Amino acid sequence: MEYQQGQDREQLSLYATCLDDMIPQGNSVRLIDQFVNLLDLSQMGFQTIAPQGRPPYHPADLLKLFIYGYMNQMRSSRRLEKEAY
């Protein structure tokens, strides 16, 4: 199943540096990214659903966002959206 894809973090675009370079090395989002990438989400009960309409976001991306919000005490989805932007 296809999921919505974001930009490659190492791709140079309008900025002088790539997106991956904008995040400091010691930032917690790097730890969250590595942790979720090591998980076997299918074994944890995450399933692909039948394609209907717009493709969904990848479950790993949503889990990363949820963990980031939990670690930073963000309960509002609007605040999470603002932080993710």
Protein backbone atom coordinates (compact mmCIF):
# COMPACT_ATOMS: atom_id res chain seq x y z
CA MET A 1 0.00 0.00 0.00
CA GLU A 2 1.20 3.47 -0.75
CA TYR A 3 1.43 6.06 1.98
CA GLN A 4 1.83 9.79 1.72
CA GLN A 5 5.49 10.59 1.34
CA GLY A 6 7.23 13.66 2.69
CA GLN A 7 10.41 15.18 1.39
CA ASP A 8 13.66 13.31 1.70
CA ARG A 9 15.50 14.87 4.63
CA GLU A 10 18.81 14.79 2.76
CA GLN A 11 17.42 16.43 -0.39
CA LEU A 12 18.59 19.98 -1.02
CA SER A 13 15.73 22.32 -1.87
CA LEU A 14 15.23 26.07 -1.57
CA TYR A 15 17.31 26.19 1.58
CA ALA A 16 21.09 26.35 1.65
CA THR A 17 21.18 23.14 3.71
CA CYS A 18 19.09 20.01 3.74
CA LEU A 19 16.28 19.48 6.25
CA ASP A 20 18.30 16.91 8.18
CA ASP A 21 21.04 19.49 8.83
CA MET A 22 18.53 21.89 10.42
CA ILE A 23 17.94 19.53 13.35
CA PRO A 24 20.72 19.50 15.98
CA GLN A 25 22.50 16.19 16.56
CA GLY A 26 21.42 15.96 20.20
CA ASN A 27 17.72 16.63 19.54
CA SER A 28 15.20 14.12 20.90
CA VAL A 29 13.52 13.72 17.51
CA ARG A 30 16.55 11.81 16.26
CA LEU A 31 16.17 9.32 19.11
CA ILE A 32 12.44 8.95 18.43
CA ASP A 33 13.14 8.40 14.72
CA GLN A 34 15.68 5.65 15.38
CA PHE A 35 13.51 3.99 18.02
CA VAL A 36 10.39 3.77 15.84
CA ASN A 37 12.41 2.60 12.83
CA LEU A 38 13.64 -0.37 14.89
CA LEU A 39 10.09 -1.46 15.80
CA ASP A 40 8.20 -4.11 13.85
CA LEU A 41 4.88 -2.28 13.58
CA SER A 42 3.04 -5.15 11.89
CA GLN A 43 3.81 -7.37 14.88
CA MET A 44 2.43 -4.67 17.18
CA GLY A 45 -0.94 -4.71 15.44
CA PHE A 46 -0.56 -1.91 12.89
CA GLN A 47 -2.28 -2.97 9.70
CA THR A 48 -2.55 -1.65 6.19
CA ILE A 49 -6.05 -0.69 5.19
CA ALA A 50 -7.76 -0.91 1.82
CA PRO A 51 -6.99 2.11 -0.36
CA GLN A 52 -9.92 4.50 -0.39
CA GLY A 53 -9.59 8.13 -1.36
CA ARG A 54 -6.45 9.94 -0.32
CA PRO A 55 -3.55 7.70 0.78
CA PRO A 56 -3.06 7.57 4.56
CA TYR A 57 0.02 8.64 6.46
CA HIS A 58 2.49 5.90 7.30
CA PRO A 59 1.81 4.51 10.80
CA ALA A 60 5.47 4.97 11.76
CA ASP A 61 5.27 8.71 11.00
CA LEU A 62 2.15 9.09 13.13
CA LEU A 63 3.71 7.11 15.96
CA LYS A 64 6.80 9.35 15.87
CA LEU A 65 4.58 12.42 16.07
CA PHE A 66 2.57 10.93 18.95
CA ILE A 67 5.72 10.05 20.94
CA TYR A 68 7.14 13.53 20.33
CA GLY A 69 3.94 15.11 21.63
CA TYR A 70 3.89 12.83 24.66
CA MET A 71 7.52 13.62 25.53
CA ASN A 72 6.89 17.37 25.24
CA GLN A 73 3.52 17.31 27.05
CA MET A 74 1.50 18.37 24.00
CA ARG A 75 -2.05 17.11 24.10
CA SER A 76 -3.51 19.37 21.44
CA SER A 77 -3.47 18.14 17.85
CA ARG A 78 -3.29 21.76 16.69
CA ARG A 79 -0.16 22.35 18.73
CA LEU A 80 1.36 19.14 17.35
CA GLU A 81 0.59 20.34 13.84
CA LYS A 82 2.26 23.67 14.59
CA GLU A 83 5.35 21.94 16.01
CA ALA A 84 5.58 19.53 13.08
CA TYR A 85 5.44 22.33 10.54
